N, C-alpha and C. Protein backbone atom coordinates (compact mmCIF):
# COMPACT_ATOMS: atom_id res chain seq x y z
N MET A 1 -19.65 -10.62 0.58
CA MET A 1 -20.61 -11.51 0.09
C MET A 1 -21.47 -10.91 -1.00
N ALA A 2 -21.63 -9.65 -0.84
CA ALA A 2 -22.48 -8.99 -1.90
C ALA A 2 -21.83 -9.00 -3.20
N ARG A 3 -20.47 -8.79 -3.26
CA ARG A 3 -19.77 -8.76 -4.53
C ARG A 3 -19.53 -10.18 -5.10
N PHE A 4 -19.38 -11.18 -4.17
CA PHE A 4 -19.10 -12.56 -4.68
C PHE A 4 -20.12 -13.47 -3.96
N PRO A 5 -21.36 -13.45 -4.49
CA PRO A 5 -22.37 -14.33 -3.81
C PRO A 5 -22.24 -15.81 -4.05
N THR A 6 -21.38 -16.22 -4.96
CA THR A 6 -21.18 -17.67 -5.14
C THR A 6 -19.64 -17.96 -5.24
N VAL A 7 -19.33 -19.23 -4.93
CA VAL A 7 -17.96 -19.61 -5.02
C VAL A 7 -17.39 -19.30 -6.45
N THR A 8 -18.14 -19.62 -7.43
CA THR A 8 -17.76 -19.32 -8.85
C THR A 8 -17.46 -17.85 -9.03
N ASP A 9 -18.29 -16.99 -8.53
CA ASP A 9 -18.12 -15.53 -8.66
C ASP A 9 -16.70 -15.18 -8.11
N LEU A 10 -16.41 -15.69 -6.88
CA LEU A 10 -15.11 -15.42 -6.24
C LEU A 10 -14.02 -16.01 -7.05
N ALA A 11 -14.15 -17.23 -7.54
CA ALA A 11 -13.11 -17.92 -8.25
C ALA A 11 -12.80 -17.09 -9.55
N ASN A 12 -13.77 -16.58 -10.21
CA ASN A 12 -13.62 -15.84 -11.47
C ASN A 12 -13.08 -14.39 -11.28
N ALA A 13 -13.12 -13.86 -10.05
CA ALA A 13 -12.67 -12.55 -9.83
C ALA A 13 -11.16 -12.43 -9.92
N PRO A 14 -10.60 -11.37 -10.38
CA PRO A 14 -9.19 -11.10 -10.36
C PRO A 14 -8.67 -11.03 -9.01
N LEU A 15 -7.54 -11.62 -8.65
CA LEU A 15 -7.01 -11.62 -7.31
C LEU A 15 -6.85 -10.17 -6.77
N ASP A 16 -6.50 -9.24 -7.61
CA ASP A 16 -6.31 -7.85 -7.21
C ASP A 16 -7.58 -7.31 -6.67
N GLU A 17 -8.68 -7.62 -7.34
CA GLU A 17 -10.04 -7.19 -6.79
C GLU A 17 -10.32 -7.79 -5.40
N VAL A 18 -10.06 -9.03 -5.25
CA VAL A 18 -10.26 -9.66 -3.94
C VAL A 18 -9.47 -9.01 -2.86
N LEU A 19 -8.14 -8.83 -3.20
CA LEU A 19 -7.32 -8.10 -2.20
C LEU A 19 -7.74 -6.68 -1.85
N HIS A 20 -8.13 -6.01 -2.91
CA HIS A 20 -8.67 -4.62 -2.63
C HIS A 20 -9.90 -4.65 -1.75
N LEU A 21 -10.80 -5.50 -1.91
CA LEU A 21 -11.96 -5.62 -1.09
C LEU A 21 -11.64 -6.11 0.36
N TRP A 22 -10.48 -6.74 0.47
CA TRP A 22 -10.04 -7.25 1.75
C TRP A 22 -9.32 -6.19 2.54
N THR A 23 -9.04 -5.06 1.96
CA THR A 23 -8.41 -3.94 2.54
C THR A 23 -8.98 -3.62 3.95
N GLY A 24 -8.05 -3.56 4.98
CA GLY A 24 -8.52 -3.22 6.34
C GLY A 24 -8.77 -4.40 7.18
N LEU A 25 -8.89 -5.57 6.59
CA LEU A 25 -9.10 -6.76 7.35
C LEU A 25 -7.81 -7.49 7.88
N GLY A 26 -6.70 -7.17 7.26
CA GLY A 26 -5.42 -7.78 7.59
C GLY A 26 -5.36 -9.21 7.10
N TYR A 27 -4.21 -9.81 7.30
CA TYR A 27 -3.97 -11.18 6.95
C TYR A 27 -4.34 -11.46 5.52
N TYR A 28 -3.57 -10.75 4.54
CA TYR A 28 -3.86 -10.92 3.09
C TYR A 28 -3.68 -12.30 2.64
N ALA A 29 -2.83 -13.09 3.35
CA ALA A 29 -2.70 -14.54 2.90
C ALA A 29 -4.04 -15.23 2.98
N ARG A 30 -4.85 -14.83 3.83
CA ARG A 30 -6.19 -15.49 3.99
C ARG A 30 -7.05 -15.25 2.72
N ALA A 31 -6.92 -13.94 2.22
CA ALA A 31 -7.68 -13.64 1.01
C ALA A 31 -7.15 -14.37 -0.17
N ARG A 32 -5.81 -14.48 -0.30
CA ARG A 32 -5.23 -15.26 -1.32
C ARG A 32 -5.62 -16.74 -1.25
N ASN A 33 -5.64 -17.27 -0.04
CA ASN A 33 -5.98 -18.69 0.10
C ASN A 33 -7.51 -18.93 -0.19
N LEU A 34 -8.27 -17.97 0.28
CA LEU A 34 -9.67 -18.05 0.01
C LEU A 34 -9.97 -18.08 -1.49
N HIS A 35 -9.33 -17.19 -2.22
CA HIS A 35 -9.44 -17.09 -3.70
C HIS A 35 -9.03 -18.46 -4.37
N LYS A 36 -7.87 -18.89 -3.91
CA LYS A 36 -7.40 -20.15 -4.49
C LYS A 36 -8.26 -21.28 -4.18
N ALA A 37 -8.83 -21.37 -3.00
CA ALA A 37 -9.72 -22.49 -2.59
C ALA A 37 -11.02 -22.37 -3.46
N ALA A 38 -11.50 -21.18 -3.65
CA ALA A 38 -12.66 -20.95 -4.52
C ALA A 38 -12.44 -21.47 -5.96
N GLN A 39 -11.22 -21.18 -6.42
CA GLN A 39 -10.91 -21.69 -7.80
C GLN A 39 -10.92 -23.17 -7.84
N GLN A 40 -10.39 -23.82 -6.75
CA GLN A 40 -10.31 -25.27 -6.72
C GLN A 40 -11.73 -25.84 -6.66
N VAL A 41 -12.53 -25.22 -5.85
CA VAL A 41 -13.92 -25.70 -5.63
C VAL A 41 -14.64 -25.52 -7.01
N ALA A 42 -14.46 -24.43 -7.68
CA ALA A 42 -15.16 -24.20 -8.96
C ALA A 42 -14.64 -25.22 -9.95
N ALA A 43 -13.34 -25.42 -10.02
CA ALA A 43 -12.77 -26.38 -11.03
C ALA A 43 -13.07 -27.89 -10.74
N LEU A 44 -12.93 -28.25 -9.49
CA LEU A 44 -13.03 -29.68 -9.18
C LEU A 44 -14.37 -30.15 -8.76
N HIS A 45 -15.21 -29.16 -8.22
CA HIS A 45 -16.60 -29.56 -7.73
C HIS A 45 -17.67 -28.85 -8.42
N GLY A 46 -17.45 -28.23 -9.50
CA GLY A 46 -18.55 -27.55 -10.26
C GLY A 46 -19.05 -26.31 -9.52
N GLY A 47 -18.32 -25.73 -8.65
CA GLY A 47 -18.74 -24.51 -7.88
C GLY A 47 -19.61 -24.93 -6.69
N LYS A 48 -19.70 -26.16 -6.35
CA LYS A 48 -20.51 -26.49 -5.22
C LYS A 48 -19.56 -26.95 -4.04
N PHE A 49 -19.82 -26.46 -2.90
CA PHE A 49 -18.95 -26.73 -1.73
C PHE A 49 -18.89 -28.26 -1.50
N PRO A 50 -17.62 -28.75 -1.39
CA PRO A 50 -17.47 -30.17 -1.11
C PRO A 50 -18.31 -30.72 0.01
N GLU A 51 -18.67 -32.07 -0.14
CA GLU A 51 -19.55 -32.63 0.87
C GLU A 51 -18.79 -33.44 1.97
N THR A 52 -17.57 -33.81 1.66
CA THR A 52 -16.88 -34.61 2.65
C THR A 52 -15.73 -33.81 3.32
N PHE A 53 -15.41 -34.16 4.50
CA PHE A 53 -14.35 -33.52 5.25
C PHE A 53 -12.99 -33.60 4.42
N GLU A 54 -12.77 -34.72 3.90
CA GLU A 54 -11.44 -34.88 3.16
C GLU A 54 -11.37 -33.92 1.98
N GLU A 55 -12.49 -33.70 1.26
CA GLU A 55 -12.45 -32.71 0.15
C GLU A 55 -12.31 -31.40 0.58
N VAL A 56 -12.94 -30.97 1.73
CA VAL A 56 -12.82 -29.61 2.25
C VAL A 56 -11.35 -29.40 2.77
N ALA A 57 -10.82 -30.45 3.38
CA ALA A 57 -9.51 -30.31 4.00
C ALA A 57 -8.39 -30.18 2.93
N SER A 58 -8.75 -30.64 1.74
CA SER A 58 -7.76 -30.63 0.60
C SER A 58 -7.64 -29.32 -0.14
N THR A 59 -8.52 -28.39 0.22
CA THR A 59 -8.45 -27.09 -0.44
C THR A 59 -7.30 -26.25 -0.06
N ALA A 60 -6.83 -25.31 -0.83
CA ALA A 60 -5.66 -24.51 -0.56
C ALA A 60 -5.54 -23.85 0.78
N GLY A 61 -6.60 -23.14 1.22
CA GLY A 61 -6.61 -22.44 2.48
C GLY A 61 -6.47 -23.34 3.65
N ARG A 62 -7.20 -24.44 3.56
CA ARG A 62 -7.14 -25.42 4.67
C ARG A 62 -5.80 -26.00 4.88
N ARG A 63 -5.15 -26.42 3.77
CA ARG A 63 -3.81 -27.02 3.83
C ARG A 63 -2.76 -26.00 4.49
N ALA A 64 -2.80 -24.82 3.99
CA ALA A 64 -1.83 -23.81 4.54
C ALA A 64 -2.17 -23.54 6.06
N PHE A 65 -3.34 -23.51 6.46
CA PHE A 65 -3.66 -23.32 7.86
C PHE A 65 -3.17 -24.41 8.73
N HIS A 66 -3.39 -25.65 8.28
CA HIS A 66 -2.90 -26.85 9.02
C HIS A 66 -1.42 -26.85 9.07
N ARG A 67 -0.72 -26.62 7.99
CA ARG A 67 0.77 -26.60 7.98
C ARG A 67 1.24 -25.59 9.08
N ARG A 68 0.63 -24.39 9.01
CA ARG A 68 1.13 -23.39 9.98
C ARG A 68 0.84 -23.77 11.40
N ARG A 69 -0.41 -24.27 11.64
CA ARG A 69 -0.77 -24.77 13.01
C ARG A 69 0.22 -25.78 13.48
N ASP A 70 0.47 -26.81 12.66
CA ASP A 70 1.31 -27.89 13.06
C ASP A 70 2.73 -27.39 13.33
N SER A 71 3.22 -26.47 12.52
CA SER A 71 4.63 -25.96 12.74
C SER A 71 4.67 -25.17 14.05
N LEU A 72 3.63 -24.55 14.48
CA LEU A 72 3.64 -23.82 15.72
C LEU A 72 3.48 -24.72 16.89
N ALA A 73 2.55 -25.76 16.69
CA ALA A 73 2.34 -26.68 17.82
C ALA A 73 3.50 -27.60 18.11
N PHE A 74 4.31 -27.92 17.11
CA PHE A 74 5.34 -28.90 17.31
C PHE A 74 6.80 -28.33 17.23
N SER A 75 6.88 -27.00 17.22
CA SER A 75 8.21 -26.48 17.24
C SER A 75 8.77 -26.41 18.61
N GLY A 76 10.12 -26.63 18.74
CA GLY A 76 10.84 -26.71 19.91
C GLY A 76 10.38 -25.83 20.94
């Protein structure tokens, strides 16, 4: 949070830097999804976190999480 205090700061950062700072935390897909979601929030919502559930649920990281959860929950 010190390096990326705002959504826009995270959105504007190179993905390589985000992944480097994520080192040791595991689950690098989460870092990529977080970065992509920040870019969407910056572009579509002017850098302000969405106010409705539907808007939040439509961001990159949330969609990927729900697809994975659903595939695990409903697999044979």
